[in-house]
Amino acid sequence: MDKVEKKRKERFEVFPTELPGVQLRIEPGVELDILRKTIEGFYQLAKQFAEVKFQIDDLDSQQTPRREEIIGVAKEHEGLRGLTSEEDNFVLTVTPREKIIWNRELLKKSMGIAYPAVTREDLAVNVAIPVGFVTEKGVTISEEVMADAIGEALVNLGISKEDLAKVMRQEVNLTLDEEKVTAMVNQGRVNLIEGAKTSEITWTVRVDRLKK
């Protein structure tokens, strides 16, 4: 038994029932007052729910290779986006979606002094704080400043410096004016460093009824 499963089981206590092999799971320390009739109804609902869920899981696993084959056919035939069948009453749609990924550091190097004009950086530490915000004390918010401030506060609470990396997470969310960047690139004002902009294609397969 792995640690995750053990921890999950420790969250509940076992409550015996008169139904063969059936036990309720309850929060530790709770004195449960429940009728046999309620237990029986709850059991039937749970059983039906589990049966359907397992059927869905089995069907979903069967769909995976079919989905990949459908996407494969669409990839091999440019412009193919699905089909409809009146006899079988369904429409299947296969669509690609391009996701642009920007490398923040390479983009900074590529844009130079123009970087602040086309981007906004938010420092996410449970809240979003604009990078570059100046406090009333004249402190400019940055990743380093925020990390130091939060780290100091956590250490003051008794968390060791060695454990900081385990409990503290922060990231910078980048908002980019892609139209401006594209225009600057097309005008020759900016030369994007290789890797500053990459893309990945994800495919979706959807099926709907033609007539309800």
N, C-alpha and C. Protein backbone atom coordinates (compact mmCIF):
# COMPACT_ATOMS: atom_id res chain seq x y z
N MET A 1 0.84 -1.20 0.00
CA MET A 1 0.00 0.00 0.00
C MET A 1 0.88 1.26 0.00
N ASP A 2 0.67 2.16 -1.00
CA ASP A 2 1.50 3.35 -1.04
C ASP A 2 1.03 4.37 -0.01
N LYS A 3 1.85 5.42 0.18
CA LYS A 3 1.57 6.41 1.22
C LYS A 3 0.27 7.17 0.95
N VAL A 4 0.00 7.46 -0.36
CA VAL A 4 -1.21 8.22 -0.70
C VAL A 4 -2.45 7.42 -0.32
N GLU A 5 -2.47 6.11 -0.68
CA GLU A 5 -3.62 5.27 -0.36
C GLU A 5 -3.79 5.11 1.14
N LYS A 6 -2.67 4.96 1.86
CA LYS A 6 -2.72 4.82 3.30
C LYS A 6 -3.30 6.06 3.95
N LYS A 7 -2.84 7.23 3.48
CA LYS A 7 -3.33 8.49 4.03
C LYS A 7 -4.81 8.65 3.76
N ARG A 8 -5.25 8.24 2.54
CA ARG A 8 -6.65 8.36 2.16
C ARG A 8 -7.53 7.50 3.08
N LYS A 9 -7.04 6.28 3.39
CA LYS A 9 -7.81 5.39 4.24
C LYS A 9 -7.87 5.89 5.68
N GLU A 10 -6.82 6.55 6.13
CA GLU A 10 -6.78 7.05 7.49
C GLU A 10 -7.76 8.20 7.71
N ARG A 11 -8.26 8.80 6.63
CA ARG A 11 -9.19 9.92 6.75
C ARG A 11 -10.56 9.46 7.21
N PHE A 12 -10.87 8.16 7.07
CA PHE A 12 -12.20 7.65 7.41
C PHE A 12 -12.12 6.48 8.37
N GLU A 13 -13.21 6.31 9.11
CA GLU A 13 -13.36 5.14 9.95
C GLU A 13 -14.42 4.24 9.33
N VAL A 14 -14.41 2.96 9.72
CA VAL A 14 -15.36 1.99 9.19
C VAL A 14 -16.57 1.88 10.12
N PHE A 15 -17.75 1.92 9.51
CA PHE A 15 -18.99 1.79 10.25
C PHE A 15 -19.70 0.54 9.73
N PRO A 16 -19.81 -0.51 10.55
CA PRO A 16 -20.40 -1.77 10.08
C PRO A 16 -21.90 -1.65 9.81
N THR A 17 -22.39 -2.45 8.87
CA THR A 17 -23.83 -2.50 8.58
C THR A 17 -24.27 -3.96 8.61
N GLU A 18 -25.59 -4.18 8.53
CA GLU A 18 -26.12 -5.54 8.51
C GLU A 18 -26.13 -6.12 7.11
N LEU A 19 -25.74 -5.33 6.11
CA LEU A 19 -25.69 -5.84 4.74
C LEU A 19 -24.37 -6.58 4.55
N PRO A 20 -24.42 -7.78 3.95
CA PRO A 20 -23.21 -8.60 3.78
C PRO A 20 -22.10 -7.86 3.02
N GLY A 21 -20.94 -7.73 3.66
CA GLY A 21 -19.78 -7.15 3.00
C GLY A 21 -19.84 -5.65 2.78
N VAL A 22 -20.85 -5.00 3.34
CA VAL A 22 -21.02 -3.55 3.12
C VAL A 22 -20.69 -2.80 4.40
N GLN A 23 -19.82 -1.81 4.27
CA GLN A 23 -19.45 -0.97 5.40
C GLN A 23 -19.53 0.49 4.97
N LEU A 24 -19.95 1.34 5.87
CA LEU A 24 -19.98 2.77 5.59
C LEU A 24 -18.63 3.38 5.96
N ARG A 25 -18.31 4.47 5.30
CA ARG A 25 -17.08 5.20 5.62
C ARG A 25 -17.51 6.51 6.28
N ILE A 26 -16.98 6.79 7.46
CA ILE A 26 -17.38 8.00 8.18
C ILE A 26 -16.16 8.74 8.68
N GLU A 27 -16.36 10.00 9.00
CA GLU A 27 -15.28 10.81 9.54
C GLU A 27 -14.94 10.32 10.95
N PRO A 28 -13.65 10.36 11.29
CA PRO A 28 -13.23 9.89 12.62
C PRO A 28 -13.96 10.62 13.74
N GLY A 29 -14.40 9.85 14.73
CA GLY A 29 -15.01 10.46 15.91
C GLY A 29 -16.50 10.72 15.79
N VAL A 30 -17.10 10.46 14.63
CA VAL A 30 -18.53 10.73 14.43
C VAL A 30 -19.35 9.54 14.92
N GLU A 31 -20.42 9.82 15.67
CA GLU A 31 -21.36 8.79 16.09
C GLU A 31 -22.55 8.83 15.13
N LEU A 32 -22.54 7.94 14.18
CA LEU A 32 -23.52 7.97 13.11
C LEU A 32 -24.84 7.34 13.55
N ASP A 33 -25.92 8.06 13.34
CA ASP A 33 -27.26 7.55 13.63
C ASP A 33 -28.01 7.46 12.30
N ILE A 34 -28.13 6.25 11.77
CA ILE A 34 -28.70 6.08 10.44
C ILE A 34 -29.55 4.82 10.41
N LEU A 35 -30.72 4.90 9.76
CA LEU A 35 -31.63 3.78 9.69
C LEU A 35 -31.15 2.73 8.68
N ARG A 36 -31.51 1.46 8.92
CA ARG A 36 -31.16 0.40 7.98
C ARG A 36 -31.76 0.69 6.59
N LYS A 37 -33.01 1.21 6.58
CA LYS A 37 -33.66 1.53 5.31
C LYS A 37 -32.85 2.56 4.53
N THR A 38 -32.30 3.53 5.24
CA THR A 38 -31.48 4.57 4.58
C THR A 38 -30.19 3.97 4.05
N ILE A 39 -29.60 3.08 4.84
CA ILE A 39 -28.37 2.42 4.41
C ILE A 39 -28.62 1.60 3.14
N GLU A 40 -29.73 0.87 3.11
CA GLU A 40 -30.04 0.05 1.95
C GLU A 40 -30.23 0.91 0.70
N GLY A 41 -30.96 2.03 0.86
CA GLY A 41 -31.15 2.93 -0.28
C GLY A 41 -29.85 3.56 -0.74
N PHE A 42 -29.04 3.95 0.24
CA PHE A 42 -27.74 4.54 -0.08
C PHE A 42 -26.85 3.53 -0.81
N TYR A 43 -26.91 2.28 -0.35
CA TYR A 43 -26.13 1.22 -0.98
C TYR A 43 -26.54 1.01 -2.43
N GLN A 44 -27.84 0.97 -2.70
CA GLN A 44 -28.31 0.75 -4.07
C GLN A 44 -27.89 1.89 -4.99
N LEU A 45 -28.00 3.11 -4.49
CA LEU A 45 -27.57 4.27 -5.29
C LEU A 45 -26.08 4.20 -5.58
N ALA A 46 -25.30 3.88 -4.53
CA ALA A 46 -23.85 3.80 -4.70
C ALA A 46 -23.47 2.69 -5.67
N LYS A 47 -24.17 1.55 -5.58
CA LYS A 47 -23.88 0.43 -6.46
C LYS A 47 -24.16 0.79 -7.91
N GLN A 48 -25.31 1.42 -8.17
CA GLN A 48 -25.66 1.82 -9.53
C GLN A 48 -24.67 2.86 -10.07
N PHE A 49 -24.31 3.80 -9.21
CA PHE A 49 -23.37 4.84 -9.62
C PHE A 49 -22.03 4.22 -10.00
N ALA A 50 -21.55 3.28 -9.15
CA ALA A 50 -20.27 2.63 -9.42
C ALA A 50 -20.30 1.82 -10.70
N GLU A 51 -21.40 1.09 -10.92
CA GLU A 51 -21.52 0.26 -12.12
C GLU A 51 -21.44 1.11 -13.39
N VAL A 52 -22.19 2.22 -13.40
CA VAL A 52 -22.19 3.10 -14.57
C VAL A 52 -20.82 3.75 -14.75
N LYS A 53 -20.21 4.17 -13.63
CA LYS A 53 -18.89 4.80 -13.71
C LYS A 53 -17.86 3.85 -14.30
N PHE A 54 -17.88 2.59 -13.87
CA PHE A 54 -16.94 1.61 -14.40
C PHE A 54 -17.20 1.33 -15.88
N GLN A 55 -18.48 1.36 -16.26
CA GLN A 55 -18.82 1.17 -17.68
C GLN A 55 -18.28 2.34 -18.51
N ILE A 56 -18.46 3.56 -17.97
CA ILE A 56 -17.95 4.74 -18.67
C ILE A 56 -16.44 4.68 -18.82
N ASP A 57 -15.76 4.27 -17.73
CA ASP A 57 -14.30 4.16 -17.77
C ASP A 57 -13.86 3.14 -18.82
N ASP A 58 -14.56 2.01 -18.87
CA ASP A 58 -14.22 0.98 -19.85
C ASP A 58 -14.44 1.48 -21.27
N LEU A 59 -15.57 2.16 -21.49
CA LEU A 59 -15.88 2.68 -22.82
C LEU A 59 -14.88 3.78 -23.21
N ASP A 60 -14.53 4.59 -22.22
CA ASP A 60 -13.58 5.68 -22.49
C ASP A 60 -12.22 5.13 -22.91
N SER A 61 -11.79 4.06 -22.26
CA SER A 61 -10.51 3.45 -22.65
C SER A 61 -10.59 2.86 -24.05
N GLN A 62 -11.79 2.38 -24.44
CA GLN A 62 -11.96 1.86 -25.79
C GLN A 62 -11.96 2.98 -26.82
N GLN A 63 -12.42 4.17 -26.40
CA GLN A 63 -12.48 5.31 -27.32
C GLN A 63 -11.10 5.87 -27.65
N THR A 64 -10.16 5.74 -26.72
CA THR A 64 -8.84 6.36 -26.90
C THR A 64 -8.18 5.99 -28.23
N PRO A 65 -8.03 4.70 -28.56
CA PRO A 65 -7.39 4.37 -29.84
C PRO A 65 -8.20 4.84 -31.05
N ARG A 66 -9.55 4.81 -30.95
CA ARG A 66 -10.38 5.29 -32.06
C ARG A 66 -10.16 6.78 -32.27
N ARG A 67 -10.10 7.52 -31.14
CA ARG A 67 -9.87 8.97 -31.22
C ARG A 67 -8.54 9.26 -31.92
N GLU A 68 -7.51 8.53 -31.53
CA GLU A 68 -6.20 8.75 -32.13
C GLU A 68 -6.20 8.42 -33.62
N GLU A 69 -6.94 7.39 -34.01
CA GLU A 69 -7.01 7.03 -35.43
C GLU A 69 -7.77 8.09 -36.22
N ILE A 70 -8.85 8.62 -35.64
CA ILE A 70 -9.62 9.68 -36.30
C ILE A 70 -8.75 10.91 -36.51
N ILE A 71 -8.00 11.29 -35.47
CA ILE A 71 -7.10 12.43 -35.57
C ILE A 71 -6.03 12.16 -36.61
N GLY A 72 -5.53 10.92 -36.65
CA GLY A 72 -4.51 10.56 -37.63
C GLY A 72 -4.99 10.74 -39.05
N VAL A 73 -6.23 10.32 -39.33
CA VAL A 73 -6.79 10.48 -40.69
C VAL A 73 -6.91 11.97 -41.03
N ALA A 74 -7.38 12.77 -40.07
CA ALA A 74 -7.53 14.21 -40.30
C ALA A 74 -6.18 14.87 -40.56
N LYS A 75 -5.15 14.44 -39.84
CA LYS A 75 -3.82 15.01 -40.05
C LYS A 75 -3.28 14.68 -41.44
N GLU A 76 -3.58 13.49 -41.90
CA GLU A 76 -3.06 13.05 -43.21
C GLU A 76 -3.79 13.69 -44.38
N HIS A 77 -4.99 14.24 -44.13
CA HIS A 77 -5.78 14.82 -45.21
C HIS A 77 -6.14 16.26 -44.84
N GLU A 78 -5.34 17.17 -45.35
CA GLU A 78 -5.48 18.59 -45.01
C GLU A 78 -6.89 19.09 -45.28
N GLY A 79 -7.46 19.74 -44.32
CA GLY A 79 -8.79 20.32 -44.47
C GLY A 79 -9.92 19.40 -44.04
N LEU A 80 -9.65 18.12 -43.80
CA LEU A 80 -10.69 17.21 -43.36
C LEU A 80 -11.04 17.52 -41.91
N ARG A 81 -12.32 17.77 -41.65
CA ARG A 81 -12.73 18.19 -40.32
C ARG A 81 -13.91 17.38 -39.78
N GLY A 82 -14.13 16.16 -40.30
CA GLY A 82 -15.17 15.31 -39.73
C GLY A 82 -16.13 14.78 -40.77
N LEU A 83 -17.30 14.35 -40.32
CA LEU A 83 -18.33 13.85 -41.24
C LEU A 83 -19.68 13.87 -40.54
N THR A 84 -20.75 13.74 -41.36
CA THR A 84 -22.10 13.60 -40.82
C THR A 84 -22.72 12.34 -41.40
N SER A 85 -23.62 11.73 -40.64
CA SER A 85 -24.35 10.56 -41.09
C SER A 85 -25.81 10.72 -40.71
N GLU A 86 -26.67 10.93 -41.73
CA GLU A 86 -28.09 11.08 -41.46
C GLU A 86 -28.70 9.78 -40.97
N GLU A 87 -28.25 8.66 -41.55
CA GLU A 87 -28.79 7.37 -41.16
C GLU A 87 -28.48 7.04 -39.70
N ASP A 88 -27.27 7.36 -39.27
CA ASP A 88 -26.87 7.08 -37.88
C ASP A 88 -27.11 8.26 -36.95
N ASN A 89 -27.59 9.37 -37.51
CA ASN A 89 -27.97 10.55 -36.73
C ASN A 89 -26.83 11.09 -35.88
N PHE A 90 -25.68 11.37 -36.52
CA PHE A 90 -24.61 12.02 -35.77
C PHE A 90 -23.75 12.87 -36.69
N VAL A 91 -23.10 13.83 -36.06
CA VAL A 91 -22.10 14.64 -36.74
C VAL A 91 -20.82 14.58 -35.91
N LEU A 92 -19.73 14.27 -36.57
CA LEU A 92 -18.43 14.19 -35.91
C LEU A 92 -17.55 15.32 -36.42
N THR A 93 -16.95 16.04 -35.48
CA THR A 93 -16.11 17.18 -35.84
C THR A 93 -14.71 16.98 -35.27
N VAL A 94 -13.70 17.15 -36.12
CA VAL A 94 -12.30 17.04 -35.71
C VAL A 94 -11.64 18.38 -35.96
N THR A 95 -11.14 19.00 -34.92
CA THR A 95 -10.57 20.34 -35.09
C THR A 95 -9.21 20.47 -34.39
N PRO A 96 -8.27 21.11 -35.09
CA PRO A 96 -6.97 21.40 -34.45
C PRO A 96 -7.01 22.77 -33.79
N ARG A 97 -6.24 22.91 -32.75
CA ARG A 97 -6.14 24.21 -32.09
C ARG A 97 -4.67 24.48 -31.79
N GLU A 98 -4.21 25.65 -32.24
CA GLU A 98 -2.81 26.01 -32.02
C GLU A 98 -2.68 26.80 -30.72
N LYS A 99 -1.75 26.37 -29.90
CA LYS A 99 -1.45 27.08 -28.65
C LYS A 99 -0.05 27.67 -28.74
N ILE A 100 0.02 28.99 -28.62
CA ILE A 100 1.31 29.68 -28.67
C ILE A 100 1.94 29.69 -27.29
N ILE A 101 3.20 29.34 -27.22
CA ILE A 101 3.93 29.32 -25.96
C ILE A 101 5.09 30.30 -26.05
N TRP A 102 5.13 31.22 -25.12
CA TRP A 102 6.19 32.23 -25.11
C TRP A 102 7.19 31.94 -24.00
N ASN A 103 8.46 31.97 -24.37
CA ASN A 103 9.53 31.83 -23.40
C ASN A 103 9.85 33.23 -22.87
N ARG A 104 9.57 33.45 -21.60
CA ARG A 104 9.66 34.79 -21.03
C ARG A 104 11.06 35.38 -21.14
N GLU A 105 12.07 34.62 -20.77
CA GLU A 105 13.43 35.14 -20.77
C GLU A 105 13.93 35.43 -22.19
N LEU A 106 13.64 34.51 -23.13
CA LEU A 106 14.06 34.72 -24.51
C LEU A 106 13.30 35.88 -25.14
N LEU A 107 12.04 36.03 -24.74
CA LEU A 107 11.25 37.14 -25.26
C LEU A 107 11.82 38.47 -24.76
N LYS A 108 12.24 38.50 -23.50
CA LYS A 108 12.86 39.71 -22.96
C LYS A 108 14.10 40.10 -23.76
N LYS A 109 14.93 39.09 -24.05
CA LYS A 109 16.15 39.36 -24.81
C LYS A 109 15.82 39.81 -26.23
N SER A 110 14.77 39.24 -26.80
CA SER A 110 14.38 39.60 -28.17
C SER A 110 13.82 41.01 -28.25
N MET A 111 12.97 41.37 -27.28
CA MET A 111 12.26 42.64 -27.34
C MET A 111 13.09 43.81 -26.82
N GLY A 112 14.03 43.54 -25.92
CA GLY A 112 14.84 44.64 -25.38
C GLY A 112 13.98 45.64 -24.64
N ILE A 113 14.19 46.93 -24.92
CA ILE A 113 13.47 47.99 -24.21
C ILE A 113 11.99 48.03 -24.59
N ALA A 114 11.62 47.34 -25.67
CA ALA A 114 10.21 47.33 -26.08
C ALA A 114 9.38 46.33 -25.27
N TYR A 115 10.04 45.48 -24.50
CA TYR A 115 9.35 44.41 -23.76
C TYR A 115 8.22 44.94 -22.87
N PRO A 116 8.44 45.98 -22.05
CA PRO A 116 7.36 46.46 -21.18
C PRO A 116 6.16 47.01 -21.95
N ALA A 117 6.36 47.42 -23.20
CA ALA A 117 5.28 48.02 -23.98
C ALA A 117 4.29 46.97 -24.50
N VAL A 118 4.72 45.71 -24.56
CA VAL A 118 3.86 44.68 -25.14
C VAL A 118 3.49 43.59 -24.15
N THR A 119 3.98 43.70 -22.94
CA THR A 119 3.70 42.65 -21.96
C THR A 119 3.27 43.24 -20.62
N ARG A 120 2.62 42.39 -19.86
CA ARG A 120 2.34 42.69 -18.46
C ARG A 120 2.65 41.43 -17.67
N GLU A 121 3.36 41.60 -16.58
CA GLU A 121 3.72 40.46 -15.75
C GLU A 121 2.98 40.56 -14.43
N ASP A 122 2.31 39.47 -14.07
CA ASP A 122 1.64 39.39 -12.76
C ASP A 122 2.32 38.32 -11.94
N LEU A 123 2.68 38.68 -10.74
CA LEU A 123 3.32 37.74 -9.83
C LEU A 123 2.23 37.01 -9.04
N ALA A 124 2.11 35.71 -9.25
CA ALA A 124 1.04 34.94 -8.62
C ALA A 124 1.54 34.29 -7.33
N VAL A 125 1.03 34.80 -6.21
CA VAL A 125 1.30 34.21 -4.90
C VAL A 125 -0.04 34.23 -4.17
N ASN A 126 -0.95 33.42 -4.64
CA ASN A 126 -2.34 33.42 -4.19
C ASN A 126 -3.08 34.67 -4.67
N VAL A 127 -2.35 35.76 -4.89
CA VAL A 127 -2.94 36.96 -5.47
C VAL A 127 -2.05 37.40 -6.62
N ALA A 128 -2.62 38.20 -7.54
CA ALA A 128 -1.84 38.67 -8.67
C ALA A 128 -1.39 40.11 -8.41
N ILE A 129 -0.09 40.34 -8.43
CA ILE A 129 0.47 41.66 -8.17
C ILE A 129 1.25 42.09 -9.41
N PRO A 130 0.95 43.27 -9.97
CA PRO A 130 1.68 43.73 -11.15
C PRO A 130 3.18 43.86 -10.84
N VAL A 131 4.00 43.18 -11.62
CA VAL A 131 5.45 43.32 -11.46
C VAL A 131 5.83 44.75 -11.82
N GLY A 132 6.62 45.38 -10.94
CA GLY A 132 7.00 46.76 -11.16
C GLY A 132 6.19 47.74 -10.32
N PHE A 133 5.19 47.22 -9.60
CA PHE A 133 4.38 48.07 -8.72
C PHE A 133 5.26 48.64 -7.61
N VAL A 134 5.11 49.94 -7.37
CA VAL A 134 5.91 50.61 -6.34
C VAL A 134 5.05 50.86 -5.11
N THR A 135 5.51 50.37 -3.96
CA THR A 135 4.75 50.52 -2.73
C THR A 135 4.91 51.93 -2.18
N GLU A 136 4.13 52.23 -1.11
CA GLU A 136 4.22 53.56 -0.48
C GLU A 136 5.58 53.80 0.13
N LYS A 137 6.31 52.70 0.43
CA LYS A 137 7.65 52.84 0.98
C LYS A 137 8.71 52.94 -0.11
N GLY A 138 8.25 52.96 -1.34
CA GLY A 138 9.19 53.10 -2.45
C GLY A 138 9.83 51.80 -2.90
N VAL A 139 9.29 50.67 -2.45
CA VAL A 139 9.82 49.36 -2.84
C VAL A 139 9.15 48.90 -4.13
N THR A 140 9.96 48.54 -5.11
CA THR A 140 9.43 48.05 -6.38
C THR A 140 9.24 46.53 -6.30
N ILE A 141 8.01 46.07 -6.56
CA ILE A 141 7.70 44.64 -6.47
C ILE A 141 8.34 43.89 -7.63
N SER A 142 9.03 42.83 -7.30
CA SER A 142 9.61 41.94 -8.30
C SER A 142 9.55 40.52 -7.76
N GLU A 143 9.92 39.55 -8.58
CA GLU A 143 9.93 38.16 -8.12
C GLU A 143 10.84 38.01 -6.90
N GLU A 144 12.04 38.60 -7.02
CA GLU A 144 13.03 38.45 -5.96
C GLU A 144 12.57 39.10 -4.66
N VAL A 145 12.02 40.32 -4.78
CA VAL A 145 11.56 41.05 -3.60
C VAL A 145 10.43 40.28 -2.91
N MET A 146 9.46 39.79 -3.70
CA MET A 146 8.34 39.07 -3.13
C MET A 146 8.78 37.76 -2.49
N ALA A 147 9.68 37.05 -3.17
CA ALA A 147 10.18 35.78 -2.63
C ALA A 147 10.89 36.01 -1.30
N ASP A 148 11.71 37.07 -1.24
CA ASP A 148 12.43 37.37 0.00
C ASP A 148 11.46 37.72 1.13
N ALA A 149 10.42 38.53 0.80
CA ALA A 149 9.47 38.97 1.81
C ALA A 149 8.67 37.79 2.36
N ILE A 150 8.18 36.95 1.44
CA ILE A 150 7.39 35.80 1.87
C ILE A 150 8.27 34.81 2.63
N GLY A 151 9.48 34.61 2.13
CA GLY A 151 10.41 33.69 2.79
C GLY A 151 10.72 34.15 4.20
N GLU A 152 10.96 35.44 4.37
CA GLU A 152 11.26 35.97 5.69
C GLU A 152 10.08 35.79 6.63
N ALA A 153 8.86 36.03 6.11
CA ALA A 153 7.66 35.87 6.94
C ALA A 153 7.49 34.42 7.37
N LEU A 154 7.73 33.48 6.46
CA LEU A 154 7.58 32.07 6.80
C LEU A 154 8.63 31.61 7.80
N VAL A 155 9.85 32.11 7.64
CA VAL A 155 10.91 31.78 8.60
C VAL A 155 10.55 32.30 9.98
N ASN A 156 9.97 33.50 10.03
CA ASN A 156 9.56 34.07 11.31
C ASN A 156 8.45 33.27 11.97
N LEU A 157 7.70 32.53 11.14
CA LEU A 157 6.64 31.68 11.68
C LEU A 157 7.18 30.35 12.18
N GLY A 158 8.48 30.09 11.90
CA GLY A 158 9.08 28.86 12.41
C GLY A 158 9.42 27.83 11.36
N ILE A 159 9.21 28.16 10.08
CA ILE A 159 9.55 27.23 9.01
C ILE A 159 11.04 27.39 8.68
N SER A 160 11.74 26.28 8.64
CA SER A 160 13.18 26.34 8.38
C SER A 160 13.45 26.76 6.94
N LYS A 161 14.61 27.34 6.70
CA LYS A 161 14.99 27.76 5.36
C LYS A 161 15.05 26.57 4.40
N GLU A 162 15.41 25.40 4.96
CA GLU A 162 15.49 24.19 4.13
C GLU A 162 14.11 23.78 3.62
N ASP A 163 13.06 24.10 4.40
CA ASP A 163 11.71 23.68 4.02
C ASP A 163 10.98 24.72 3.17
N LEU A 164 11.59 25.89 3.00
CA LEU A 164 10.92 26.95 2.24
C LEU A 164 10.55 26.51 0.83
N ALA A 165 11.49 25.82 0.17
CA ALA A 165 11.26 25.40 -1.21
C ALA A 165 10.10 24.42 -1.31
N LYS A 166 9.80 23.73 -0.21
CA LYS A 166 8.72 22.75 -0.23
C LYS A 166 7.35 23.39 -0.07
N VAL A 167 7.31 24.52 0.64
CA VAL A 167 6.01 25.10 0.98
C VAL A 167 5.68 26.37 0.18
N MET A 168 6.68 26.98 -0.45
CA MET A 168 6.45 28.25 -1.12
C MET A 168 6.50 28.09 -2.64
N ARG A 169 5.46 28.52 -3.29
CA ARG A 169 5.39 28.48 -4.74
C ARG A 169 4.97 29.84 -5.27
N GLN A 170 5.65 30.34 -6.27
CA GLN A 170 5.24 31.56 -6.92
C GLN A 170 5.66 31.50 -8.38
N GLU A 171 4.90 32.16 -9.22
CA GLU A 171 5.22 32.20 -10.64
C GLU A 171 4.77 33.52 -11.23
N VAL A 172 5.35 33.86 -12.36
CA VAL A 172 4.97 35.08 -13.05
C VAL A 172 4.09 34.70 -14.23
N ASN A 173 2.87 35.24 -14.25
CA ASN A 173 1.96 35.02 -15.37
C ASN A 173 2.14 36.14 -16.38
N LEU A 174 2.36 35.76 -17.63
CA LEU A 174 2.67 36.73 -18.67
C LEU A 174 1.45 37.01 -19.53
N THR A 175 1.10 38.28 -19.66
CA THR A 175 0.05 38.71 -20.57
C THR A 175 0.71 39.47 -21.72
N LEU A 176 0.49 38.99 -22.94
CA LEU A 176 1.24 39.52 -24.08
C LEU A 176 0.31 40.07 -25.15
N ASP A 177 0.64 41.24 -25.68
CA ASP A 177 -0.08 41.80 -26.83
C ASP A 177 0.52 41.20 -28.09
N GLU A 178 -0.01 40.05 -28.51
CA GLU A 178 0.57 39.31 -29.61
C GLU A 178 0.49 40.08 -30.93
N GLU A 179 -0.56 40.87 -31.10
CA GLU A 179 -0.69 41.66 -32.34
C GLU A 179 0.46 42.66 -32.46
N LYS A 180 0.80 43.32 -31.36
CA LYS A 180 1.90 44.28 -31.38
C LYS A 180 3.23 43.59 -31.68
N VAL A 181 3.43 42.44 -31.02
CA VAL A 181 4.68 41.72 -31.24
C VAL A 181 4.79 41.28 -32.70
N THR A 182 3.71 40.73 -33.25
CA THR A 182 3.70 40.28 -34.64
C THR A 182 3.98 41.44 -35.59
N ALA A 183 3.36 42.60 -35.30
CA ALA A 183 3.58 43.78 -36.15
C ALA A 183 5.04 44.22 -36.09
N MET A 184 5.62 44.21 -34.91
CA MET A 184 7.01 44.63 -34.76
C MET A 184 7.96 43.66 -35.47
N VAL A 185 7.63 42.38 -35.42
CA VAL A 185 8.45 41.39 -36.12
C VAL A 185 8.34 41.59 -37.63
N ASN A 186 7.11 41.78 -38.12
CA ASN A 186 6.89 41.97 -39.56
C ASN A 186 7.54 43.25 -40.08
N GLN A 187 7.62 44.26 -39.21
CA GLN A 187 8.23 45.54 -39.59
C GLN A 187 9.75 45.51 -39.46
N GLY A 188 10.28 44.40 -38.96
CA GLY A 188 11.72 44.29 -38.82
C GLY A 188 12.27 45.00 -37.60
N ARG A 189 11.39 45.44 -36.70
CA ARG A 189 11.84 46.16 -35.51
C ARG A 189 12.31 45.20 -34.42
N VAL A 190 11.86 43.96 -34.52
CA VAL A 190 12.22 42.95 -33.53
C VAL A 190 12.57 41.65 -34.24
N ASN A 191 13.61 41.02 -33.77
CA ASN A 191 14.01 39.71 -34.30
C ASN A 191 13.91 38.71 -33.15
N LEU A 192 12.89 37.86 -33.19
CA LEU A 192 12.68 36.92 -32.10
C LEU A 192 13.78 35.87 -32.08
N ILE A 193 14.38 35.68 -30.93
CA ILE A 193 15.38 34.64 -30.74
C ILE A 193 14.70 33.27 -30.88
N GLU A 194 15.40 32.34 -31.50
CA GLU A 194 14.84 31.00 -31.66
C GLU A 194 14.45 30.43 -30.29
N GLY A 195 13.21 29.96 -30.21
CA GLY A 195 12.71 29.42 -28.95
C GLY A 195 11.88 30.40 -28.15
N ALA A 196 11.91 31.69 -28.53
CA ALA A 196 11.12 32.69 -27.81
C ALA A 196 9.63 32.43 -28.03
N LYS A 197 9.30 31.95 -29.24
CA LYS A 197 7.91 31.65 -29.56
C LYS A 197 7.84 30.25 -30.15
N THR A 198 7.07 29.40 -29.52
CA THR A 198 6.84 28.05 -30.04
C THR A 198 5.33 27.80 -30.03
N SER A 199 4.94 26.76 -30.69
CA SER A 199 3.52 26.44 -30.72
C SER A 199 3.32 24.93 -30.66
N GLU A 200 2.17 24.54 -30.18
CA GLU A 200 1.82 23.14 -30.18
C GLU A 200 0.37 23.01 -30.64
N ILE A 201 0.08 21.95 -31.37
CA ILE A 201 -1.25 21.73 -31.90
C ILE A 201 -1.94 20.65 -31.08
N THR A 202 -3.11 20.96 -30.58
CA THR A 202 -3.93 19.97 -29.89
C THR A 202 -5.20 19.74 -30.71
N TRP A 203 -5.65 18.52 -30.72
CA TRP A 203 -6.83 18.15 -31.51
C TRP A 203 -7.99 17.77 -30.61
N THR A 204 -9.19 18.16 -31.02
CA THR A 204 -10.40 17.75 -30.31
C THR A 204 -11.29 16.96 -31.26
N VAL A 205 -11.91 15.93 -30.72
CA VAL A 205 -12.88 15.14 -31.48
C VAL A 205 -14.20 15.23 -30.75
N ARG A 206 -15.21 15.72 -31.45
CA ARG A 206 -16.53 15.89 -30.83
C ARG A 206 -17.59 15.23 -31.69
N VAL A 207 -18.55 14.60 -31.03
CA VAL A 207 -19.67 14.00 -31.76
C VAL A 207 -20.98 14.46 -31.15
N ASP A 208 -21.92 14.84 -32.00
CA ASP A 208 -23.24 15.31 -31.57
C ASP A 208 -24.31 14.64 -32.41
N ARG A 209 -25.54 14.67 -31.91
CA ARG A 209 -26.64 14.15 -32.68
C ARG A 209 -27.05 15.17 -33.74
N LEU A 210 -27.42 14.69 -34.92
CA LEU A 210 -27.91 15.60 -35.95
C LEU A 210 -29.30 16.10 -35.58
N LYS A 211 -30.13 15.19 -35.12
CA LYS A 211 -31.49 15.54 -34.74
C LYS A 211 -31.77 14.95 -33.36
N LYS A 212 -32.37 15.75 -32.51
CA LYS A 212 -32.69 15.27 -31.16
C LYS A 212 -34.10 14.69 -31.13
